[in-house]
Amino acid sequence: MRSIILGGLLATALMAAGCGGPMEEEEAAELATQEAPLPDCSNVPNADLRRYYNDAAHSQLIGEFGCYCGGLYNWGGRSVYSEYILEC
């Protein structure tokens, strides 16, 4: 009888302690502190665009990022093989 009571007390104590203590809530991420906001291209008269390719020969376009003639281009992947466009 005594071992059953001690076993129950031990189990209750372990459940109360939990695994690592109480959990703390994480704060919501601030959108203003994100890496970099998307640029506003509406007032960019020329281009500021980077095109990314799959190889050094620029065989296949795999993505673009930047402003091009007032519009934002943000699609695909990025690589070390790129081309910078400055004019529309």
PDB file of N, CA and C in Angstrom:
ATOM      1  N   MET A   1       0.832  -1.196   0.000  1.00  0.00           N
ATOM      2  CA  MET A   1       0.000   0.000   0.000  1.00  0.00           C
ATOM      3  C   MET A   1       0.869   1.249   0.000  1.00  0.00           C
ATOM      4  N   ARG A   2       1.915   1.170   0.827  1.00  0.00           N
ATOM      5  CA  ARG A   2       2.804   2.320   0.971  1.00  0.00           C
ATOM      6  C   ARG A   2       3.504   2.638  -0.349  1.00  0.00           C
ATOM      7  N   SER A   3       3.916   1.587  -1.107  1.00  0.00           N
ATOM      8  CA  SER A   3       4.612   1.800  -2.380  1.00  0.00           C
ATOM      9  C   SER A   3       3.663   2.384  -3.423  1.00  0.00           C
ATOM     10  N   ILE A   4       2.390   2.057  -3.373  1.00  0.00           N
ATOM     11  CA  ILE A   4       1.413   2.614  -4.313  1.00  0.00           C
ATOM     12  C   ILE A   4       1.244   4.106  -4.052  1.00  0.00           C
ATOM     13  N   ILE A   5       1.167   4.509  -2.821  1.00  0.00           N
ATOM     14  CA  ILE A   5       1.016   5.921  -2.468  1.00  0.00           C
ATOM     15  C   ILE A   5       2.257   6.703  -2.875  1.00  0.00           C
ATOM     16  N   LEU A   6       3.450   6.155  -2.570  1.00  0.00           N
ATOM     17  CA  LEU A   6       4.692   6.831  -2.948  1.00  0.00           C
ATOM     18  C   LEU A   6       4.828   6.928  -4.469  1.00  0.00           C
ATOM     19  N   GLY A   7       4.436   5.863  -5.173  1.00  0.00           N
ATOM     20  CA  GLY A   7       4.473   5.875  -6.637  1.00  0.00           C
ATOM     21  C   GLY A   7       3.539   6.930  -7.204  1.00  0.00           C
ATOM     22  N   GLY A   8       2.353   7.069  -6.616  1.00  0.00           N
ATOM     23  CA  GLY A   8       1.392   8.081  -7.056  1.00  0.00           C
ATOM     24  C   GLY A   8       1.906   9.482  -6.803  1.00  0.00           C
ATOM     25  N   LEU A   9       2.514   9.698  -5.645  1.00  0.00           N
ATOM     26  CA  LEU A   9       3.080  11.010  -5.344  1.00  0.00           C
ATOM     27  C   LEU A   9       4.220  11.355  -6.296  1.00  0.00           C
ATOM     28  N   LEU A  10       5.051  10.376  -6.598  1.00  0.00           N
ATOM     29  CA  LEU A  10       6.165  10.598  -7.521  1.00  0.00           C
ATOM     30  C   LEU A  10       5.644  10.933  -8.917  1.00  0.00           C
ATOM     31  N   ALA A  11       4.633  10.206  -9.376  1.00  0.00           N
ATOM     32  CA  ALA A  11       4.059  10.472 -10.699  1.00  0.00           C
ATOM     33  C   ALA A  11       3.439  11.863 -10.752  1.00  0.00           C
ATOM     34  N   THR A  12       2.752  12.267  -9.700  1.00  0.00           N
ATOM     35  CA  THR A  12       2.154  13.603  -9.642  1.00  0.00           C
ATOM     36  C   THR A  12       3.223  14.680  -9.661  1.00  0.00           C
ATOM     37  N   ALA A  13       4.299  14.470  -8.947  1.00  0.00           N
ATOM     38  CA  ALA A  13       5.383  15.455  -8.905  1.00  0.00           C
ATOM     39  C   ALA A  13       6.034  15.589 -10.274  1.00  0.00           C
ATOM     40  N   LEU A  14       6.232  14.473 -10.968  1.00  0.00           N
ATOM     41  CA  LEU A  14       6.842  14.521 -12.295  1.00  0.00           C
ATOM     42  C   LEU A  14       5.931  15.223 -13.305  1.00  0.00           C
ATOM     43  N   MET A  15       4.633  15.003 -13.218  1.00  0.00           N
ATOM     44  CA  MET A  15       3.700  15.671 -14.127  1.00  0.00           C
ATOM     45  C   MET A  15       3.672  17.169 -13.867  1.00  0.00           C
ATOM     46  N   ALA A  16       3.782  17.584 -12.639  1.00  0.00           N
ATOM     47  CA  ALA A  16       3.772  19.002 -12.297  1.00  0.00           C
ATOM     48  C   ALA A  16       5.036  19.692 -12.794  1.00  0.00           C
ATOM     49  N   ALA A  17       6.154  18.960 -12.765  1.00  0.00           N
ATOM     50  CA  ALA A  17       7.416  19.550 -13.207  1.00  0.00           C
ATOM     51  C   ALA A  17       7.446  19.696 -14.719  1.00  0.00           C
ATOM     52  N   GLY A  18       6.829  18.763 -15.443  1.00  0.00           N
ATOM     53  CA  GLY A  18       6.813  18.829 -16.900  1.00  0.00           C
ATOM     54  C   GLY A  18       8.172  18.517 -17.483  1.00  0.00           C
ATOM     55  N   CYS A  19       8.331  18.814 -18.744  1.00  0.00           N
ATOM     56  CA  CYS A  19       9.599  18.569 -19.447  1.00  0.00           C
ATOM     57  C   CYS A  19      10.260  19.899 -19.728  1.00  0.00           C
ATOM     58  N   GLY A  20      10.980  20.428 -18.780  1.00  0.00           N
ATOM     59  CA  GLY A  20      11.699  21.669 -19.020  1.00  0.00           C
ATOM     60  C   GLY A  20      11.015  22.900 -18.459  1.00  0.00           C
ATOM     61  N   GLY A  21      10.000  22.750 -17.712  1.00  0.00           N
ATOM     62  CA  GLY A  21       9.348  23.899 -17.097  1.00  0.00           C
ATOM     63  C   GLY A  21       8.272  24.498 -17.974  1.00  0.00           C
ATOM     64  N   PRO A  22       7.715  25.620 -17.527  1.00  0.00           N
ATOM     65  CA  PRO A  22       6.610  26.230 -18.271  1.00  0.00           C
ATOM     66  C   PRO A  22       7.092  26.818 -19.601  1.00  0.00           C
ATOM     67  N   MET A  23       6.206  26.767 -20.593  1.00  0.00           N
ATOM     68  CA  MET A  23       6.542  27.324 -21.905  1.00  0.00           C
ATOM     69  C   MET A  23       6.256  28.811 -21.914  1.00  0.00           C
ATOM     70  N   GLU A  24       7.129  29.549 -22.571  1.00  0.00           N
ATOM     71  CA  GLU A  24       6.926  30.982 -22.713  1.00  0.00           C
ATOM     72  C   GLU A  24       6.448  31.271 -24.122  1.00  0.00           C
ATOM     73  N   GLU A  25       5.530  32.208 -24.253  1.00  0.00           N
ATOM     74  CA  GLU A  25       5.045  32.574 -25.574  1.00  0.00           C
ATOM     75  C   GLU A  25       6.070  33.446 -26.277  1.00  0.00           C
ATOM     76  N   GLU A  26       6.261  33.181 -27.584  1.00  0.00           N
ATOM     77  CA  GLU A  26       7.160  34.007 -28.367  1.00  0.00           C
ATOM     78  C   GLU A  26       6.405  35.242 -28.843  1.00  0.00           C
ATOM     79  N   GLU A  27       7.134  36.344 -28.933  1.00  0.00           N
ATOM     80  CA  GLU A  27       6.505  37.564 -29.409  1.00  0.00           C
ATOM     81  C   GLU A  27       6.300  37.470 -30.906  1.00  0.00           C
ATOM     82  N   ALA A  28       5.258  38.114 -31.401  1.00  0.00           N
ATOM     83  CA  ALA A  28       4.989  38.130 -32.833  1.00  0.00           C
ATOM     84  C   ALA A  28       6.082  38.906 -33.552  1.00  0.00           C
ATOM     85  N   ALA A  29       6.468  38.412 -34.706  1.00  0.00           N
ATOM     86  CA  ALA A  29       7.525  39.075 -35.485  1.00  0.00           C
ATOM     87  C   ALA A  29       7.009  40.391 -36.054  1.00  0.00           C
ATOM     88  N   GLU A  30       7.815  41.421 -35.934  1.00  0.00           N
ATOM     89  CA  GLU A  30       7.470  42.714 -36.493  1.00  0.00           C
ATOM     90  C   GLU A  30       7.796  42.708 -37.978  1.00  0.00           C
ATOM     91  N   LEU A  31       6.833  43.044 -38.819  1.00  0.00           N
ATOM     92  CA  LEU A  31       7.083  43.069 -40.250  1.00  0.00           C
ATOM     93  C   LEU A  31       8.079  44.149 -40.623  1.00  0.00           C
ATOM     94  N   ALA A  32       8.154  45.212 -39.853  1.00  0.00           N
ATOM     95  CA  ALA A  32       9.083  46.301 -40.150  1.00  0.00           C
ATOM     96  C   ALA A  32      10.531  45.880 -39.924  1.00  0.00           C
ATOM     97  N   THR A  33      10.759  44.819 -39.143  1.00  0.00           N
ATOM     98  CA  THR A  33      12.123  44.385 -38.871  1.00  0.00           C
ATOM     99  C   THR A  33      12.542  43.232 -39.765  1.00  0.00           C
ATOM    100  N   GLN A  34      11.757  42.902 -40.764  1.00  0.00           N
ATOM    101  CA  GLN A  34      12.128  41.850 -41.709  1.00  0.00           C
ATOM    102  C   GLN A  34      13.373  42.257 -42.472  1.00  0.00           C
ATOM    103  N   GLU A  35      13.997  41.311 -43.208  1.00  0.00           N
ATOM    104  CA  GLU A  35      15.258  41.560 -43.891  1.00  0.00           C
ATOM    105  C   GLU A  35      15.227  42.826 -44.740  1.00  0.00           C
ATOM    106  N   ALA A  36      14.398  42.851 -45.762  1.00  0.00           N
ATOM    107  CA  ALA A  36      14.338  44.012 -46.636  1.00  0.00           C
ATOM    108  C   ALA A  36      12.942  44.098 -47.239  1.00  0.00           C
ATOM    109  N   PRO A  37      12.311  45.242 -47.147  1.00  0.00           N
ATOM    110  CA  PRO A  37      10.999  45.376 -47.762  1.00  0.00           C
ATOM    111  C   PRO A  37      11.132  45.396 -49.284  1.00  0.00           C
ATOM    112  N   LEU A  38      10.059  45.060 -49.968  1.00  0.00           N
ATOM    113  CA  LEU A  38      10.078  45.126 -51.426  1.00  0.00           C
ATOM    114  C   LEU A  38      10.178  46.581 -51.853  1.00  0.00           C
ATOM    115  N   PRO A  39      10.967  46.865 -52.877  1.00  0.00           N
ATOM    116  CA  PRO A  39      11.129  48.258 -53.307  1.00  0.00           C
ATOM    117  C   PRO A  39       9.867  48.785 -53.982  1.00  0.00           C
ATOM    118  N   ASP A  40       9.658  50.099 -53.874  1.00  0.00           N
ATOM    119  CA  ASP A  40       8.557  50.770 -54.557  1.00  0.00           C
ATOM    120  C   ASP A  40       9.078  51.224 -55.915  1.00  0.00           C
ATOM    121  N   CYS A  41       8.631  50.586 -56.968  1.00  0.00           N
ATOM    122  CA  CYS A  41       9.149  50.854 -58.309  1.00  0.00           C
ATOM    123  C   CYS A  41       8.322  51.889 -59.068  1.00  0.00           C
ATOM    124  N   SER A  42       7.280  52.425 -58.459  1.00  0.00           N
ATOM    125  CA  SER A  42       6.402  53.340 -59.178  1.00  0.00           C
ATOM    126  C   SER A  42       7.102  54.635 -59.576  1.00  0.00           C
ATOM    127  N   ASN A  43       8.133  55.047 -58.865  1.00  0.00           N
ATOM    128  CA  ASN A  43       8.830  56.294 -59.182  1.00  0.00           C
ATOM    129  C   ASN A  43      10.219  56.060 -59.773  1.00  0.00           C
ATOM    130  N   VAL A  44      10.508  54.844 -60.213  1.00  0.00           N
ATOM    131  CA  VAL A  44      11.813  54.530 -60.795  1.00  0.00           C
ATOM    132  C   VAL A  44      11.680  54.630 -62.313  1.00  0.00           C
ATOM    133  N   PRO A  45      12.230  55.699 -62.927  1.00  0.00           N
ATOM    134  CA  PRO A  45      12.049  55.883 -64.370  1.00  0.00           C
ATOM    135  C   PRO A  45      12.843  54.885 -65.206  1.00  0.00           C
ATOM    136  N   ASN A  46      13.990  54.442 -64.739  1.00  0.00           N
ATOM    137  CA  ASN A  46      14.813  53.492 -65.471  1.00  0.00           C
ATOM    138  C   ASN A  46      14.755  52.129 -64.801  1.00  0.00           C
ATOM    139  N   ALA A  47      15.653  51.267 -65.185  1.00  0.00           N
ATOM    140  CA  ALA A  47      15.676  49.923 -64.636  1.00  0.00           C
ATOM    141  C   ALA A  47      16.735  49.788 -63.544  1.00  0.00           C
ATOM    142  N   ASP A  48      16.468  48.940 -62.606  1.00  0.00           N
ATOM    143  CA  ASP A  48      17.400  48.547 -61.549  1.00  0.00           C
ATOM    144  C   ASP A  48      17.101  47.068 -61.295  1.00  0.00           C
ATOM    145  N   LEU A  49      17.391  46.253 -62.300  1.00  0.00           N
ATOM    146  CA  LEU A  49      16.948  44.861 -62.334  1.00  0.00           C
ATOM    147  C   LEU A  49      18.142  43.925 -62.410  1.00  0.00           C
ATOM    148  N   ARG A  50      18.069  42.829 -61.674  1.00  0.00           N
ATOM    149  CA  ARG A  50      19.094  41.788 -61.758  1.00  0.00           C
ATOM    150  C   ARG A  50      18.419  40.522 -62.271  1.00  0.00           C
ATOM    151  N   ARG A  51      18.975  39.966 -63.349  1.00  0.00           N
ATOM    152  CA  ARG A  51      18.492  38.712 -63.929  1.00  0.00           C
ATOM    153  C   ARG A  51      19.464  37.601 -63.564  1.00  0.00           C
ATOM    154  N   TYR A  52      18.920  36.458 -63.145  1.00  0.00           N
ATOM    155  CA  TYR A  52      19.728  35.324 -62.698  1.00  0.00           C
ATOM    156  C   TYR A  52      19.617  34.169 -63.685  1.00  0.00           C
ATOM    157  N   TYR A  53      20.771  33.543 -63.988  1.00  0.00           N
ATOM    158  CA  TYR A  53      20.838  32.460 -64.969  1.00  0.00           C
ATOM    159  C   TYR A  53      21.372  31.186 -64.327  1.00  0.00           C
ATOM    160  N   ASN A  54      21.157  30.053 -65.015  1.00  0.00           N
ATOM    161  CA  ASN A  54      21.557  28.760 -64.469  1.00  0.00           C
ATOM    162  C   ASN A  54      23.044  28.456 -64.643  1.00  0.00           C
ATOM    163  N   ASP A  55      23.726  29.153 -65.575  1.00  0.00           N
ATOM    164  CA  ASP A  55      25.150  28.889 -65.777  1.00  0.00           C
ATOM    165  C   ASP A  55      25.860  30.149 -66.280  1.00  0.00           C
ATOM    166  N   ALA A  56      27.176  30.070 -66.420  1.00  0.00           N
ATOM    167  CA  ALA A  56      27.982  31.222 -66.824  1.00  0.00           C
ATOM    168  C   ALA A  56      27.689  31.666 -68.253  1.00  0.00           C
ATOM    169  N   ALA A  57      27.196  30.768 -69.093  1.00  0.00           N
ATOM    170  CA  ALA A  57      26.863  31.104 -70.480  1.00  0.00           C
ATOM    171  C   ALA A  57      25.492  31.778 -70.598  1.00  0.00           C
ATOM    172  N   HIS A  58      24.794  31.928 -69.478  1.00  0.00           N
ATOM    173  CA  HIS A  58      23.448  32.526 -69.434  1.00  0.00           C
ATOM    174  C   HIS A  58      22.486  31.772 -70.351  1.00  0.00           C
ATOM    175  N   SER A  59      22.528  30.450 -70.264  1.00  0.00           N
ATOM    176  CA  SER A  59      21.702  29.584 -71.110  1.00  0.00           C
ATOM    177  C   SER A  59      20.219  29.690 -70.783  1.00  0.00           C
ATOM    178  N   GLN A  60      19.887  29.759 -69.513  1.00  0.00           N
ATOM    179  CA  GLN A  60      18.479  29.753 -69.114  1.00  0.00           C
ATOM    180  C   GLN A  60      18.252  30.752 -67.992  1.00  0.00           C
ATOM    181  N   LEU A  61      17.275  31.627 -68.174  1.00  0.00           N
ATOM    182  CA  LEU A  61      16.885  32.597 -67.151  1.00  0.00           C
ATOM    183  C   LEU A  61      16.126  31.857 -66.057  1.00  0.00           C
ATOM    184  N   ILE A  62      16.588  31.976 -64.800  1.00  0.00           N
ATOM    185  CA  ILE A  62      15.924  31.259 -63.699  1.00  0.00           C
ATOM    186  C   ILE A  62      15.234  32.196 -62.713  1.00  0.00           C
ATOM    187  N   GLY A  63      15.417  33.521 -62.851  1.00  0.00           N
ATOM    188  CA  GLY A  63      14.747  34.449 -61.949  1.00  0.00           C
ATOM    189  C   GLY A  63      15.149  35.882 -62.195  1.00  0.00           C
ATOM    190  N   GLU A  64      14.333  36.800 -61.667  1.00  0.00           N
ATOM    191  CA  GLU A  64      14.606  38.235 -61.763  1.00  0.00           C
ATOM    192  C   GLU A  64      14.207  38.904 -60.453  1.00  0.00           C
ATOM    193  N   PHE A  65      14.934  39.959 -60.101  1.00  0.00           N
ATOM    194  CA  PHE A  65      14.557  40.745 -58.932  1.00  0.00           C
ATOM    195  C   PHE A  65      14.957  42.189 -59.161  1.00  0.00           C
ATOM    196  N   GLY A  66      14.001  43.090 -58.974  1.00  0.00           N
ATOM    197  CA  GLY A  66      14.283  44.513 -59.061  1.00  0.00           C
ATOM    198  C   GLY A  66      13.207  45.267 -59.815  1.00  0.00           C
ATOM    199  N   CYS A  67      13.506  46.518 -60.089  1.00  0.00           N
ATOM    200  CA  CYS A  67      12.569  47.393 -60.785  1.00  0.00           C
ATOM    201  C   CYS A  67      12.921  47.446 -62.263  1.00  0.00           C
ATOM    202  N   TYR A  68      11.895  47.417 -63.088  1.00  0.00           N
ATOM    203  CA  TYR A  68      12.106  47.521 -64.528  1.00  0.00           C
ATOM    204  C   TYR A  68      10.991  48.377 -65.108  1.00  0.00           C
ATOM    205  N   CYS A  69      11.325  49.614 -65.458  1.00  0.00           N
ATOM    206  CA  CYS A  69      10.404  50.560 -66.107  1.00  0.00           C
ATOM    207  C   CYS A  69       9.120  50.770 -65.293  1.00  0.00           C
ATOM    208  N   GLY A  70       9.249  50.949 -63.995  1.00  0.00           N
ATOM    209  CA  GLY A  70       8.113  51.238 -63.127  1.00  0.00           C
ATOM    210  C   GLY A  70       7.445  50.031 -62.513  1.00  0.00           C
ATOM    211  N   GLY A  71       7.850  48.821 -62.875  1.00  0.00           N
ATOM    212  CA  GLY A  71       7.237  47.609 -62.330  1.00  0.00           C
ATOM    213  C   GLY A  71       8.234  46.787 -61.538  1.00  0.00           C
ATOM    214  N   LEU A  72       7.749  46.063 -60.551  1.00  0.00           N
ATOM    215  CA  LEU A  72       8.591  45.208 -59.718  1.00  0.00           C
ATOM    216  C   LEU A  72       8.598  43.803 -60.292  1.00  0.00           C
ATOM    217  N   TYR A  73       9.784  43.259 -60.478  1.00  0.00           N
ATOM    218  CA  TYR A  73       9.956  41.881 -60.921  1.00  0.00           C
ATOM    219  C   TYR A  73      10.602  41.117 -59.782  1.00  0.00           C
ATOM    220  N   ASN A  74       9.914  40.099 -59.300  1.00  0.00           N
ATOM    221  CA  ASN A  74      10.392  39.305 -58.170  1.00  0.00           C
ATOM    222  C   ASN A  74       9.878  37.887 -58.354  1.00  0.00           C
ATOM    223  N   TRP A  75      10.629  37.080 -59.088  1.00  0.00           N
ATOM    224  CA  TRP A  75      10.199  35.712 -59.330  1.00  0.00           C
ATOM    225  C   TRP A  75      11.423  34.805 -59.492  1.00  0.00           C
ATOM    226  N   GLY A  76      11.214  33.513 -59.312  1.00  0.00           N
ATOM    227  CA  GLY A  76      12.234  32.512 -59.565  1.00  0.00           C
ATOM    228  C   GLY A  76      13.308  32.440 -58.513  1.00  0.00           C
ATOM    229  N   GLY A  77      14.431  31.834 -58.920  1.00  0.00           N
ATOM    230  CA  GLY A  77      15.550  31.635 -58.016  1.00  0.00           C
ATOM    231  C   GLY A  77      16.676  32.611 -58.294  1.00  0.00           C
ATOM    232  N   ARG A  78      17.716  32.492 -57.492  1.00  0.00           N
ATOM    233  CA  ARG A  78      18.893  33.342 -57.641  1.00  0.00           C
ATOM    234  C   ARG A  78      20.127  32.461 -57.744  1.00  0.00           C
ATOM    235  N   SER A  79      21.146  32.973 -58.413  1.00  0.00           N
ATOM    236  CA  SER A  79      22.406  32.253 -58.539  1.00  0.00           C
ATOM    237  C   SER A  79      23.539  33.264 -58.645  1.00  0.00           C
ATOM    238  N   VAL A  80      24.755  32.764 -58.717  1.00  0.00           N
ATOM    239  CA  VAL A  80      25.917  33.649 -58.853  1.00  0.00           C
ATOM    240  C   VAL A  80      26.047  34.170 -60.272  1.00  0.00           C
ATOM    241  N   TYR A  81      25.363  33.550 -61.226  1.00  0.00           N
ATOM    242  CA  TYR A  81      25.417  33.973 -62.625  1.00  0.00           C
ATOM    243  C   TYR A  81      24.295  34.968 -62.872  1.00  0.00           C
ATOM    244  N   SER A  82      24.647  36.243 -62.904  1.00  0.00           N
ATOM    245  CA  SER A  82      23.611  37.265 -63.029  1.00  0.00           C
ATOM    246  C   SER A  82      24.030  38.355 -64.004  1.00  0.00           C
ATOM    247  N   GLU A  83      23.045  39.147 -64.362  1.00  0.00           N
ATOM    248  CA  GLU A  83      23.227  40.266 -65.281  1.00  0.00           C
ATOM    249  C   GLU A  83      22.461  41.447 -64.691  1.00  0.00           C
ATOM    250  N   TYR A  84      23.071  42.595 -64.714  1.00  0.00           N
ATOM    251  CA  TYR A  84      22.455  43.799 -64.140  1.00  0.00           C
ATOM    252  C   TYR A  84      21.943  44.676 -65.268  1.00  0.00           C
ATOM    253  N   ILE A  85      20.664  45.023 -65.244  1.00  0.00           N
ATOM    254  CA  ILE A  85      20.023  45.831 -66.277  1.00  0.00           C
ATOM    255  C   ILE A  85      19.785  47.228 -65.703  1.00  0.00           C
ATOM    256  N   LEU A  86      20.256  48.258 -66.389  1.00  0.00           N
ATOM    257  CA  LEU A  86      20.113  49.628 -65.897  1.00  0.00           C
ATOM    258  C   LEU A  86      19.193  50.498 -66.747  1.00  0.00           C
ATOM    259  N   GLU A  87      18.835  50.067 -67.940  1.00  0.00           N
ATOM    260  CA  GLU A  87      17.986  50.874 -68.810  1.00  0.00           C
ATOM    261  C   GLU A  87      16.765  50.089 -69.260  1.00  0.00           C
ATOM    262  N   CYS A  88      15.684  50.814 -69.488  1.00  0.00           N
ATOM    263  CA  CYS A  88      14.454  50.194 -69.997  1.00  0.00           C
ATOM    264  C   CYS A  88      14.589  49.857 -71.467  1.00  0.00           C
TER     265      CYS A  88
END
